[in-house]
């Protein structure tokens, strides 16, 4: 990715705490290093994976380390997030307030129902917006995930991993296994001949 010179407003959307860091943390840090303003939407508090207060605190610590300006917690029910008017309206409110030029969100083909529904609702909330939309990769993403955009995160990979390490309550979960994250980033990096990369499906491209 060769980020253009003008400063942008970036919105990253995740269904649960830690989704954004895993899927596009290196790319987010590149935006912040460039001077872009980055905001998060976290749809649920992750209560099915542990104490919600702890998970929210971990998300705040990771975002602070990343340099994110603000997190919007939507408070939707973990594992029961729907693609409906309520979810779209909540995302709509943030979009209208921040007017992001680039949005990062889960893949529409993700196996996890929360991820898929948040992706669908984010796309619906963007229907009247003029922004680029990129879908990031997650451990639950289907085998049908077909990336067409790759971002060299070699310089921000260590910070991505430090942010992920803030989710201490989830450290025994398979999807947070360091070796798996490193190997995927190296695999994606090999596609573009760099050390580490993140991969994206492009739903709409205006600029990047």
N, C-alpha and C. Protein backbone atom coordinates (compact mmCIF):
# COMPACT_ATOMS: atom_id res chain seq x y z
N UNK A 1 0.84 -1.20 0.00
CA UNK A 1 0.00 0.00 0.00
C UNK A 1 0.87 1.24 0.00
N UNK A 2 0.58 2.16 -0.87
CA UNK A 2 1.25 3.44 -0.91
C UNK A 2 0.21 4.50 -0.56
N UNK A 3 0.14 4.83 0.73
CA UNK A 3 -0.88 5.75 1.20
C UNK A 3 -0.63 7.13 0.59
N UNK A 4 -1.68 7.73 0.06
CA UNK A 4 -1.55 9.04 -0.57
C UNK A 4 -1.24 10.10 0.47
N UNK A 5 -0.80 11.27 0.03
CA UNK A 5 -0.22 12.26 0.93
C UNK A 5 -1.24 12.92 1.85
N UNK A 6 -2.46 13.11 1.40
CA UNK A 6 -3.42 13.82 2.25
C UNK A 6 -3.81 12.95 3.45
N UNK A 7 -4.10 13.63 4.55
CA UNK A 7 -4.50 12.93 5.77
C UNK A 7 -5.94 12.46 5.62
N UNK A 8 -6.23 11.29 6.17
CA UNK A 8 -7.54 10.68 6.01
C UNK A 8 -8.16 10.34 7.37
N UNK A 9 -9.46 10.11 7.35
CA UNK A 9 -10.16 9.56 8.51
C UNK A 9 -10.44 8.10 8.22
N UNK A 10 -10.02 7.24 9.12
CA UNK A 10 -10.10 5.79 8.94
C UNK A 10 -11.02 5.20 10.00
N UNK A 11 -11.89 4.30 9.58
CA UNK A 11 -12.76 3.58 10.51
C UNK A 11 -12.52 2.09 10.38
N UNK A 12 -12.16 1.46 11.49
CA UNK A 12 -11.99 0.01 11.52
C UNK A 12 -13.11 -0.59 12.37
N UNK A 13 -13.77 -1.61 11.84
CA UNK A 13 -14.95 -2.19 12.49
C UNK A 13 -14.68 -3.65 12.82
N UNK A 14 -14.95 -4.03 14.07
CA UNK A 14 -14.79 -5.41 14.49
C UNK A 14 -15.98 -5.86 15.31
N UNK A 15 -16.30 -7.12 15.24
CA UNK A 15 -17.43 -7.64 16.02
C UNK A 15 -17.08 -7.78 17.49
N UNK A 16 -15.81 -8.07 17.78
CA UNK A 16 -15.38 -8.33 19.16
C UNK A 16 -14.06 -7.61 19.45
N UNK A 17 -13.74 -7.40 20.72
CA UNK A 17 -12.41 -6.91 21.07
C UNK A 17 -11.36 -7.88 20.50
N UNK A 18 -10.31 -7.36 19.95
CA UNK A 18 -9.14 -8.03 19.37
C UNK A 18 -9.30 -8.37 17.88
N UNK A 19 -10.51 -8.31 17.33
CA UNK A 19 -10.70 -8.62 15.90
C UNK A 19 -9.90 -7.68 15.00
N UNK A 20 -9.94 -6.40 15.30
CA UNK A 20 -9.29 -5.42 14.43
C UNK A 20 -7.78 -5.60 14.46
N UNK A 21 -7.23 -5.76 15.66
CA UNK A 21 -5.78 -5.91 15.79
C UNK A 21 -5.28 -7.12 15.02
N UNK A 22 -6.01 -8.23 15.09
CA UNK A 22 -5.61 -9.45 14.39
C UNK A 22 -5.73 -9.25 12.88
N UNK A 23 -6.84 -8.66 12.45
CA UNK A 23 -7.11 -8.58 11.02
C UNK A 23 -6.35 -7.51 10.27
N UNK A 24 -6.17 -6.35 10.90
CA UNK A 24 -5.56 -5.24 10.15
C UNK A 24 -4.72 -4.32 11.03
N UNK A 25 -4.21 -4.82 12.14
CA UNK A 25 -3.46 -3.99 13.07
C UNK A 25 -2.23 -3.33 12.47
N UNK A 26 -1.52 -4.05 11.61
CA UNK A 26 -0.34 -3.47 10.98
C UNK A 26 -0.68 -2.34 10.03
N UNK A 27 -1.77 -2.52 9.30
CA UNK A 27 -2.24 -1.49 8.38
C UNK A 27 -2.73 -0.26 9.14
N UNK A 28 -3.45 -0.48 10.22
CA UNK A 28 -3.94 0.63 11.04
C UNK A 28 -2.77 1.46 11.56
N UNK A 29 -1.71 0.79 12.03
CA UNK A 29 -0.56 1.53 12.55
C UNK A 29 0.12 2.33 11.45
N UNK A 30 0.15 1.82 10.24
CA UNK A 30 0.72 2.59 9.12
C UNK A 30 -0.09 3.87 8.89
N UNK A 31 -1.40 3.77 8.96
CA UNK A 31 -2.24 4.96 8.82
C UNK A 31 -1.91 5.98 9.91
N UNK A 32 -1.81 5.50 11.15
CA UNK A 32 -1.53 6.40 12.27
C UNK A 32 -0.16 7.04 12.13
N UNK A 33 0.83 6.26 11.72
CA UNK A 33 2.17 6.80 11.51
C UNK A 33 2.18 7.89 10.44
N UNK A 34 1.26 7.75 9.50
CA UNK A 34 1.15 8.74 8.41
C UNK A 34 0.45 10.01 8.87
N UNK A 35 -0.23 9.95 10.01
CA UNK A 35 -0.95 11.10 10.51
C UNK A 35 -2.45 11.02 10.32
N UNK A 36 -2.95 9.90 9.82
CA UNK A 36 -4.39 9.73 9.65
C UNK A 36 -5.08 9.59 11.01
N UNK A 37 -6.33 9.98 11.06
CA UNK A 37 -7.15 9.82 12.27
C UNK A 37 -7.90 8.50 12.19
N UNK A 38 -7.69 7.66 13.19
CA UNK A 38 -8.28 6.31 13.18
C UNK A 38 -9.26 6.14 14.34
N UNK A 39 -10.42 5.58 14.00
CA UNK A 39 -11.46 5.30 14.98
C UNK A 39 -11.86 3.84 14.87
N UNK A 40 -12.25 3.25 15.99
CA UNK A 40 -12.71 1.86 16.02
C UNK A 40 -14.19 1.81 16.35
N UNK A 41 -14.88 0.87 15.72
CA UNK A 41 -16.18 0.40 16.20
C UNK A 41 -15.99 -1.04 16.65
N UNK A 42 -16.35 -1.33 17.89
CA UNK A 42 -16.35 -2.71 18.40
C UNK A 42 -17.79 -3.04 18.75
N UNK A 43 -18.37 -3.96 18.02
CA UNK A 43 -19.82 -4.17 18.08
C UNK A 43 -20.29 -4.80 19.38
N UNK A 44 -19.54 -5.77 19.89
CA UNK A 44 -19.92 -6.41 21.16
C UNK A 44 -18.78 -6.23 22.16
N UNK A 45 -19.07 -6.54 23.42
CA UNK A 45 -18.04 -6.45 24.46
C UNK A 45 -17.31 -7.77 24.67
N UNK A 46 -17.63 -8.77 23.84
CA UNK A 46 -16.93 -10.05 23.91
C UNK A 46 -17.23 -10.87 25.14
N UNK A 47 -18.45 -10.71 25.67
CA UNK A 47 -18.78 -11.36 26.95
C UNK A 47 -18.82 -12.89 26.87
N UNK A 48 -19.00 -13.45 25.68
CA UNK A 48 -19.00 -14.91 25.58
C UNK A 48 -17.59 -15.48 25.68
N UNK A 49 -16.60 -14.61 25.57
CA UNK A 49 -15.21 -15.06 25.67
C UNK A 49 -14.55 -14.68 26.98
N UNK A 50 -15.32 -14.16 27.93
CA UNK A 50 -14.77 -13.76 29.21
C UNK A 50 -15.52 -12.58 29.79
N UNK A 51 -14.99 -12.05 30.88
CA UNK A 51 -15.60 -10.91 31.55
C UNK A 51 -15.59 -9.70 30.62
N UNK A 52 -16.77 -9.13 30.40
CA UNK A 52 -16.86 -8.04 29.41
C UNK A 52 -16.10 -6.80 29.84
N UNK A 53 -16.04 -6.52 31.14
CA UNK A 53 -15.31 -5.34 31.60
C UNK A 53 -13.81 -5.50 31.34
N UNK A 54 -13.32 -6.71 31.56
CA UNK A 54 -11.90 -6.98 31.30
C UNK A 54 -11.61 -6.88 29.81
N UNK A 55 -12.50 -7.43 29.00
CA UNK A 55 -12.28 -7.40 27.55
C UNK A 55 -12.33 -5.97 27.01
N UNK A 56 -13.21 -5.16 27.53
CA UNK A 56 -13.28 -3.76 27.11
C UNK A 56 -12.02 -3.01 27.55
N UNK A 57 -11.55 -3.31 28.76
CA UNK A 57 -10.33 -2.67 29.25
C UNK A 57 -9.13 -3.05 28.38
N UNK A 58 -9.06 -4.33 28.00
CA UNK A 58 -7.98 -4.78 27.12
C UNK A 58 -8.04 -4.08 25.76
N UNK A 59 -9.25 -3.93 25.25
CA UNK A 59 -9.43 -3.24 23.96
C UNK A 59 -8.96 -1.79 24.05
N UNK A 60 -9.28 -1.14 25.15
CA UNK A 60 -8.85 0.25 25.34
C UNK A 60 -7.33 0.35 25.44
N UNK A 61 -6.70 -0.59 26.13
CA UNK A 61 -5.24 -0.58 26.26
C UNK A 61 -4.57 -0.80 24.91
N UNK A 62 -5.10 -1.74 24.13
CA UNK A 62 -4.54 -2.01 22.81
C UNK A 62 -4.70 -0.81 21.89
N UNK A 63 -5.86 -0.17 21.94
CA UNK A 63 -6.12 1.00 21.10
C UNK A 63 -5.23 2.18 21.50
N UNK A 64 -5.01 2.33 22.79
CA UNK A 64 -4.13 3.41 23.27
C UNK A 64 -2.71 3.18 22.77
N UNK A 65 -2.22 1.95 22.87
CA UNK A 65 -0.89 1.63 22.37
C UNK A 65 -0.81 1.86 20.86
N UNK A 66 -1.86 1.52 20.15
CA UNK A 66 -1.90 1.69 18.70
C UNK A 66 -1.90 3.17 18.32
N UNK A 67 -2.57 3.99 19.15
CA UNK A 67 -2.70 5.41 18.84
C UNK A 67 -4.04 5.78 18.25
N UNK A 68 -5.04 4.93 18.48
CA UNK A 68 -6.40 5.17 17.99
C UNK A 68 -7.03 6.32 18.76
N UNK A 69 -7.79 7.15 18.08
CA UNK A 69 -8.35 8.34 18.71
C UNK A 69 -9.55 8.04 19.61
N UNK A 70 -10.40 7.08 19.19
CA UNK A 70 -11.60 6.78 19.98
C UNK A 70 -12.17 5.44 19.57
N UNK A 71 -12.73 4.73 20.56
CA UNK A 71 -13.45 3.48 20.30
C UNK A 71 -14.93 3.72 20.55
N UNK A 72 -15.75 3.24 19.63
CA UNK A 72 -17.20 3.24 19.83
C UNK A 72 -17.63 1.80 20.11
N UNK A 73 -18.01 1.53 21.36
CA UNK A 73 -18.55 0.22 21.73
C UNK A 73 -20.06 0.25 21.51
N UNK A 74 -20.55 -0.65 20.65
CA UNK A 74 -21.98 -0.64 20.34
C UNK A 74 -22.81 -1.44 21.35
N UNK A 75 -22.18 -2.31 22.12
CA UNK A 75 -22.89 -3.05 23.16
C UNK A 75 -23.86 -4.11 22.66
N UNK A 76 -23.65 -4.60 21.44
CA UNK A 76 -24.51 -5.67 20.92
C UNK A 76 -24.15 -7.00 21.56
N UNK A 77 -25.07 -7.95 21.53
CA UNK A 77 -24.89 -9.21 22.24
C UNK A 77 -23.93 -10.14 21.50
N UNK A 78 -22.87 -10.52 22.17
CA UNK A 78 -21.86 -11.39 21.60
C UNK A 78 -22.47 -12.71 21.15
N UNK A 79 -22.13 -13.12 19.95
CA UNK A 79 -22.59 -14.34 19.23
C UNK A 79 -24.03 -14.22 18.71
N UNK A 80 -24.71 -13.10 19.01
CA UNK A 80 -26.08 -12.91 18.53
C UNK A 80 -26.23 -11.60 17.75
N UNK A 81 -25.16 -11.11 17.18
CA UNK A 81 -25.22 -9.88 16.40
C UNK A 81 -25.99 -10.14 15.11
N UNK A 82 -26.95 -9.29 14.83
CA UNK A 82 -27.80 -9.45 13.65
C UNK A 82 -27.50 -8.38 12.61
N UNK A 83 -27.75 -8.73 11.37
CA UNK A 83 -27.73 -7.73 10.29
C UNK A 83 -29.15 -7.20 10.18
N UNK A 84 -29.41 -6.11 10.88
CA UNK A 84 -30.77 -5.57 10.91
C UNK A 84 -30.71 -4.05 11.05
N UNK A 85 -31.88 -3.45 11.13
CA UNK A 85 -31.96 -2.00 11.19
C UNK A 85 -31.24 -1.40 12.38
N UNK A 86 -31.30 -2.08 13.52
CA UNK A 86 -30.66 -1.57 14.73
C UNK A 86 -29.14 -1.50 14.54
N UNK A 87 -28.57 -2.59 14.07
CA UNK A 87 -27.11 -2.64 13.89
C UNK A 87 -26.67 -1.62 12.86
N UNK A 88 -27.39 -1.55 11.75
CA UNK A 88 -27.05 -0.59 10.70
C UNK A 88 -27.13 0.84 11.23
N UNK A 89 -28.17 1.13 12.01
CA UNK A 89 -28.35 2.47 12.56
C UNK A 89 -27.20 2.87 13.47
N UNK A 90 -26.76 1.95 14.30
CA UNK A 90 -25.65 2.24 15.23
C UNK A 90 -24.36 2.55 14.47
N UNK A 91 -24.10 1.79 13.42
CA UNK A 91 -22.91 2.04 12.61
C UNK A 91 -23.08 3.33 11.82
N UNK A 92 -24.29 3.53 11.32
CA UNK A 92 -24.63 4.75 10.58
C UNK A 92 -24.30 6.01 11.38
N UNK A 93 -24.62 5.99 12.65
CA UNK A 93 -24.40 7.15 13.50
C UNK A 93 -22.92 7.53 13.56
N UNK A 94 -22.07 6.51 13.68
CA UNK A 94 -20.63 6.76 13.73
C UNK A 94 -20.13 7.24 12.37
N UNK A 95 -20.61 6.61 11.31
CA UNK A 95 -20.20 7.00 9.96
C UNK A 95 -20.57 8.44 9.66
N UNK A 96 -21.78 8.83 10.03
CA UNK A 96 -22.23 10.20 9.78
C UNK A 96 -21.39 11.20 10.56
N UNK A 97 -20.99 10.82 11.76
CA UNK A 97 -20.22 11.72 12.62
C UNK A 97 -18.79 11.86 12.14
N UNK A 98 -18.17 10.76 11.70
CA UNK A 98 -16.74 10.78 11.38
C UNK A 98 -16.45 10.87 9.88
N UNK A 99 -17.39 10.51 9.04
CA UNK A 99 -17.20 10.59 7.59
C UNK A 99 -15.88 9.94 7.14
N UNK A 100 -15.69 8.65 7.42
CA UNK A 100 -14.43 8.00 7.06
C UNK A 100 -14.27 7.86 5.55
N UNK A 101 -13.04 8.03 5.10
CA UNK A 101 -12.76 7.82 3.68
C UNK A 101 -12.34 6.38 3.39
N UNK A 102 -11.91 5.67 4.43
CA UNK A 102 -11.54 4.26 4.29
C UNK A 102 -12.13 3.49 5.46
N UNK A 103 -12.74 2.34 5.16
CA UNK A 103 -13.34 1.48 6.18
C UNK A 103 -12.72 0.09 6.07
N UNK A 104 -12.34 -0.47 7.22
CA UNK A 104 -11.87 -1.85 7.30
C UNK A 104 -12.86 -2.65 8.12
N UNK A 105 -13.23 -3.84 7.63
CA UNK A 105 -14.23 -4.64 8.32
C UNK A 105 -14.01 -6.11 7.97
N UNK A 106 -14.72 -6.99 8.68
CA UNK A 106 -14.64 -8.42 8.42
C UNK A 106 -15.06 -8.77 6.99
N UNK A 107 -14.70 -9.97 6.58
CA UNK A 107 -15.12 -10.48 5.27
C UNK A 107 -16.61 -10.85 5.30
N UNK A 108 -17.27 -10.62 4.20
CA UNK A 108 -18.67 -11.03 4.06
C UNK A 108 -18.80 -12.55 4.03
N UNK A 109 -17.68 -13.25 3.82
CA UNK A 109 -17.71 -14.72 3.73
C UNK A 109 -17.11 -15.37 4.96
N UNK A 110 -17.09 -14.64 6.07
CA UNK A 110 -16.53 -15.18 7.31
C UNK A 110 -17.46 -16.24 7.90
N UNK A 111 -16.87 -17.30 8.43
CA UNK A 111 -17.67 -18.37 9.05
C UNK A 111 -18.39 -17.90 10.31
N UNK A 112 -17.81 -16.96 11.05
CA UNK A 112 -18.41 -16.51 12.29
C UNK A 112 -19.59 -15.60 11.98
N UNK A 113 -20.74 -15.93 12.52
CA UNK A 113 -21.96 -15.19 12.18
C UNK A 113 -21.88 -13.73 12.60
N UNK A 114 -21.25 -13.43 13.74
CA UNK A 114 -21.10 -12.04 14.16
C UNK A 114 -20.27 -11.26 13.15
N UNK A 115 -19.16 -11.87 12.71
CA UNK A 115 -18.27 -11.21 11.75
C UNK A 115 -19.02 -10.92 10.45
N UNK A 116 -19.70 -11.94 9.94
CA UNK A 116 -20.42 -11.79 8.68
C UNK A 116 -21.51 -10.73 8.77
N UNK A 117 -22.27 -10.74 9.86
CA UNK A 117 -23.38 -9.80 9.99
C UNK A 117 -22.90 -8.36 10.19
N UNK A 118 -21.79 -8.19 10.91
CA UNK A 118 -21.23 -6.85 11.06
C UNK A 118 -20.71 -6.34 9.72
N UNK A 119 -20.12 -7.22 8.93
CA UNK A 119 -19.66 -6.83 7.60
C UNK A 119 -20.84 -6.38 6.74
N UNK A 120 -21.92 -7.14 6.76
CA UNK A 120 -23.09 -6.79 5.96
C UNK A 120 -23.70 -5.47 6.42
N UNK A 121 -23.78 -5.28 7.73
CA UNK A 121 -24.36 -4.04 8.26
C UNK A 121 -23.47 -2.83 7.97
N UNK A 122 -22.17 -3.04 8.01
CA UNK A 122 -21.23 -1.95 7.69
C UNK A 122 -21.37 -1.55 6.23
N UNK A 123 -21.53 -2.53 5.36
CA UNK A 123 -21.72 -2.23 3.95
C UNK A 123 -23.02 -1.47 3.73
N UNK A 124 -24.08 -1.87 4.43
CA UNK A 124 -25.35 -1.16 4.33
C UNK A 124 -25.23 0.27 4.84
N UNK A 125 -24.50 0.45 5.95
CA UNK A 125 -24.33 1.79 6.51
C UNK A 125 -23.49 2.68 5.61
N UNK A 126 -22.72 2.08 4.71
CA UNK A 126 -21.86 2.84 3.80
C UNK A 126 -22.54 3.16 2.48
N UNK A 127 -23.81 2.80 2.35
CA UNK A 127 -24.46 2.86 1.04
C UNK A 127 -24.50 4.27 0.46
N UNK A 128 -24.54 5.28 1.33
CA UNK A 128 -24.60 6.66 0.84
C UNK A 128 -23.28 7.40 1.05
N UNK A 129 -22.26 6.65 1.48
CA UNK A 129 -20.96 7.25 1.75
C UNK A 129 -20.05 7.13 0.54
N UNK A 130 -19.09 8.01 0.46
CA UNK A 130 -18.08 7.91 -0.58
C UNK A 130 -16.78 7.45 0.09
N UNK A 131 -16.66 6.13 0.31
CA UNK A 131 -15.47 5.62 0.97
C UNK A 131 -15.05 4.28 0.38
N UNK A 132 -13.78 3.98 0.56
CA UNK A 132 -13.27 2.68 0.17
C UNK A 132 -13.54 1.69 1.29
N UNK A 133 -13.83 0.43 0.92
CA UNK A 133 -14.14 -0.59 1.91
C UNK A 133 -13.26 -1.82 1.66
N UNK A 134 -12.52 -2.20 2.68
CA UNK A 134 -11.62 -3.35 2.61
C UNK A 134 -12.02 -4.37 3.68
N UNK A 135 -12.06 -5.64 3.29
CA UNK A 135 -12.38 -6.72 4.22
C UNK A 135 -11.10 -7.42 4.66
N UNK A 136 -10.91 -7.53 5.96
CA UNK A 136 -9.70 -8.15 6.48
C UNK A 136 -9.91 -9.62 6.82
N UNK A 137 -8.79 -10.27 7.04
CA UNK A 137 -8.76 -11.72 7.27
C UNK A 137 -8.84 -12.01 8.76
N UNK A 138 -9.57 -13.07 9.12
CA UNK A 138 -9.67 -13.50 10.51
C UNK A 138 -9.49 -15.02 10.57
N UNK A 139 -9.17 -15.55 11.76
CA UNK A 139 -9.01 -17.01 11.87
C UNK A 139 -10.26 -17.78 11.46
N UNK A 140 -11.42 -17.16 11.55
CA UNK A 140 -12.67 -17.82 11.19
C UNK A 140 -13.08 -17.56 9.75
N UNK A 141 -12.25 -16.84 8.99
CA UNK A 141 -12.58 -16.55 7.60
C UNK A 141 -12.63 -17.84 6.79
N UNK A 142 -13.53 -17.90 5.85
CA UNK A 142 -13.69 -19.12 5.07
C UNK A 142 -12.54 -19.32 4.10
N UNK A 143 -12.49 -20.51 3.54
CA UNK A 143 -11.49 -20.81 2.53
C UNK A 143 -11.75 -20.02 1.25
N UNK A 144 -12.91 -19.39 1.15
CA UNK A 144 -13.26 -18.59 -0.01
C UNK A 144 -12.71 -17.17 0.06
N UNK A 145 -11.99 -16.83 1.14
CA UNK A 145 -11.38 -15.52 1.25
C UNK A 145 -10.35 -15.36 0.14
N UNK A 146 -10.61 -14.41 -0.76
CA UNK A 146 -9.75 -14.23 -1.93
C UNK A 146 -9.24 -12.79 -1.97
N UNK A 147 -8.12 -12.54 -1.33
CA UNK A 147 -7.60 -11.17 -1.27
C UNK A 147 -7.07 -10.69 -2.61
N UNK A 148 -7.32 -9.42 -2.86
CA UNK A 148 -6.80 -8.79 -4.07
C UNK A 148 -5.96 -7.56 -3.75
N UNK A 149 -5.82 -7.24 -2.46
CA UNK A 149 -4.98 -6.12 -2.03
C UNK A 149 -4.09 -6.60 -0.89
N UNK A 150 -2.83 -6.21 -0.92
CA UNK A 150 -1.87 -6.63 0.09
C UNK A 150 -1.11 -5.40 0.58
N UNK A 151 -0.86 -5.38 1.89
CA UNK A 151 -0.19 -4.24 2.50
C UNK A 151 1.05 -4.70 3.24
N UNK A 152 2.20 -4.15 2.89
CA UNK A 152 3.46 -4.45 3.56
C UNK A 152 3.41 -3.88 4.98
N UNK A 153 3.42 -4.76 6.00
CA UNK A 153 3.40 -4.30 7.39
C UNK A 153 4.69 -4.69 8.11
N UNK A 154 5.75 -4.88 7.36
CA UNK A 154 7.01 -5.30 7.97
C UNK A 154 7.47 -4.34 9.07
N UNK A 155 7.27 -3.04 8.86
CA UNK A 155 7.73 -2.05 9.83
C UNK A 155 6.79 -1.89 11.02
N UNK A 156 5.56 -2.35 10.90
CA UNK A 156 4.59 -2.19 11.99
C UNK A 156 4.17 -3.52 12.61
N UNK A 157 4.75 -4.61 12.14
CA UNK A 157 4.33 -5.93 12.62
C UNK A 157 4.57 -6.10 14.11
N UNK A 158 5.72 -5.64 14.60
CA UNK A 158 6.03 -5.80 16.03
C UNK A 158 5.00 -5.06 16.89
N UNK A 159 4.60 -3.88 16.47
CA UNK A 159 3.59 -3.12 17.22
C UNK A 159 2.25 -3.83 17.16
N UNK A 160 1.91 -4.40 16.01
CA UNK A 160 0.67 -5.20 15.89
C UNK A 160 0.66 -6.31 16.94
N UNK A 161 1.78 -7.01 17.07
CA UNK A 161 1.85 -8.12 18.02
C UNK A 161 1.80 -7.61 19.47
N UNK A 162 2.39 -6.47 19.74
CA UNK A 162 2.32 -5.89 21.08
C UNK A 162 0.89 -5.52 21.45
N UNK A 163 0.15 -5.01 20.47
CA UNK A 163 -1.26 -4.68 20.72
C UNK A 163 -2.07 -5.95 20.99
N UNK A 164 -1.82 -6.99 20.21
CA UNK A 164 -2.53 -8.25 20.41
C UNK A 164 -2.21 -8.83 21.79
N UNK A 165 -0.99 -8.61 22.25
CA UNK A 165 -0.59 -9.16 23.56
C UNK A 165 -1.32 -8.49 24.72
N UNK A 166 -1.98 -7.36 24.46
CA UNK A 166 -2.75 -6.70 25.52
C UNK A 166 -4.02 -7.49 25.88
N UNK A 167 -4.42 -8.42 25.01
CA UNK A 167 -5.63 -9.21 25.28
C UNK A 167 -5.25 -10.45 26.09
N UNK A 168 -4.81 -10.19 27.31
CA UNK A 168 -4.27 -11.24 28.18
C UNK A 168 -5.32 -12.30 28.47
N UNK A 169 -6.56 -11.90 28.62
CA UNK A 169 -7.62 -12.85 28.97
C UNK A 169 -7.88 -13.87 27.88
N UNK A 170 -7.39 -13.59 26.68
CA UNK A 170 -7.64 -14.47 25.54
C UNK A 170 -6.39 -15.23 25.10
N UNK A 171 -5.30 -15.11 25.84
CA UNK A 171 -4.01 -15.61 25.36
C UNK A 171 -3.97 -17.12 25.17
N UNK A 172 -4.88 -17.85 25.79
CA UNK A 172 -4.90 -19.30 25.62
C UNK A 172 -5.80 -19.74 24.47
N UNK A 173 -6.46 -18.78 23.82
CA UNK A 173 -7.32 -19.11 22.70
C UNK A 173 -6.48 -19.45 21.46
N UNK A 174 -6.91 -20.44 20.71
CA UNK A 174 -6.15 -20.88 19.54
C UNK A 174 -5.94 -19.76 18.54
N UNK A 175 -6.95 -18.91 18.38
CA UNK A 175 -6.86 -17.88 17.35
C UNK A 175 -5.84 -16.80 17.67
N UNK A 176 -5.37 -16.75 18.94
CA UNK A 176 -4.35 -15.78 19.32
C UNK A 176 -2.96 -16.40 19.42
N UNK A 177 -2.81 -17.60 18.92
CA UNK A 177 -1.51 -18.26 18.96
C UNK A 177 -0.51 -17.45 18.12
N UNK A 178 0.56 -17.05 18.75
CA UNK A 178 1.53 -16.17 18.08
C UNK A 178 2.06 -16.78 16.79
N UNK A 179 2.41 -18.06 16.83
CA UNK A 179 2.99 -18.70 15.66
C UNK A 179 2.05 -18.65 14.47
N UNK A 180 0.75 -18.82 14.72
CA UNK A 180 -0.22 -18.80 13.62
C UNK A 180 -0.30 -17.41 13.00
N UNK A 181 -0.30 -16.37 13.83
CA UNK A 181 -0.38 -15.00 13.32
C UNK A 181 0.88 -14.65 12.53
N UNK A 182 2.04 -15.04 13.07
CA UNK A 182 3.31 -14.78 12.39
C UNK A 182 3.35 -15.50 11.04
N UNK A 183 2.95 -16.76 11.05
CA UNK A 183 3.03 -17.54 9.80
C UNK A 183 2.10 -17.00 8.73
N UNK A 184 0.89 -16.60 9.13
CA UNK A 184 -0.04 -16.04 8.14
C UNK A 184 0.53 -14.74 7.56
N UNK A 185 1.08 -13.89 8.43
CA UNK A 185 1.64 -12.62 7.96
C UNK A 185 2.83 -12.86 7.03
N UNK A 186 3.62 -13.87 7.32
CA UNK A 186 4.75 -14.20 6.44
C UNK A 186 4.26 -14.76 5.11
N UNK A 187 3.23 -15.59 5.18
CA UNK A 187 2.66 -16.17 3.96
C UNK A 187 2.12 -15.06 3.06
N UNK A 188 1.36 -14.13 3.63
CA UNK A 188 0.83 -13.02 2.84
C UNK A 188 1.97 -12.13 2.34
N UNK A 189 3.00 -11.98 3.14
CA UNK A 189 4.14 -11.18 2.72
C UNK A 189 4.86 -11.77 1.53
N UNK A 190 4.91 -13.09 1.47
CA UNK A 190 5.60 -13.74 0.37
C UNK A 190 4.95 -13.42 -0.97
N UNK A 191 3.64 -13.20 -0.95
CA UNK A 191 2.92 -12.88 -2.19
C UNK A 191 3.45 -11.60 -2.82
N UNK A 192 3.85 -10.64 -1.98
CA UNK A 192 4.33 -9.36 -2.50
C UNK A 192 5.82 -9.16 -2.21
N UNK A 193 6.50 -10.26 -1.84
CA UNK A 193 7.95 -10.25 -1.64
C UNK A 193 8.42 -9.29 -0.56
N UNK A 194 7.70 -9.32 0.58
CA UNK A 194 8.12 -8.58 1.76
C UNK A 194 8.09 -9.54 2.95
N UNK A 195 8.56 -9.09 4.11
CA UNK A 195 8.63 -9.98 5.26
C UNK A 195 7.25 -10.30 5.83
N UNK A 196 6.45 -9.27 6.06
CA UNK A 196 5.12 -9.45 6.63
C UNK A 196 4.10 -8.61 5.85
N UNK A 197 2.90 -9.15 5.68
CA UNK A 197 1.84 -8.40 5.01
C UNK A 197 0.48 -8.78 5.56
N UNK A 198 -0.49 -7.89 5.35
CA UNK A 198 -1.90 -8.19 5.61
C UNK A 198 -2.62 -8.19 4.27
N UNK A 199 -3.65 -9.03 4.18
CA UNK A 199 -4.37 -9.21 2.91
C UNK A 199 -5.81 -8.76 3.07
N UNK A 200 -6.37 -8.23 1.98
CA UNK A 200 -7.72 -7.69 2.01
C UNK A 200 -8.50 -8.04 0.75
N UNK A 201 -9.80 -8.27 0.95
CA UNK A 201 -10.73 -8.28 -0.17
C UNK A 201 -11.21 -6.84 -0.36
N UNK A 202 -11.32 -6.41 -1.59
CA UNK A 202 -11.74 -5.04 -1.88
C UNK A 202 -13.21 -5.04 -2.28
N UNK A 203 -14.03 -4.38 -1.48
CA UNK A 203 -15.45 -4.26 -1.82
C UNK A 203 -15.72 -2.99 -2.62
N UNK A 204 -14.97 -1.95 -2.29
CA UNK A 204 -15.13 -0.68 -3.03
C UNK A 204 -13.82 0.09 -2.89
N UNK A 205 -13.30 0.54 -4.01
CA UNK A 205 -12.02 1.25 -3.99
C UNK A 205 -12.18 2.62 -4.61
N UNK A 206 -11.93 3.64 -3.81
CA UNK A 206 -11.89 5.02 -4.30
C UNK A 206 -10.44 5.49 -4.26
N UNK A 207 -9.83 5.37 -3.10
CA UNK A 207 -8.39 5.53 -2.99
C UNK A 207 -7.94 4.76 -1.75
N UNK A 208 -6.62 4.62 -1.63
CA UNK A 208 -6.07 3.89 -0.49
C UNK A 208 -4.86 4.64 -0.06
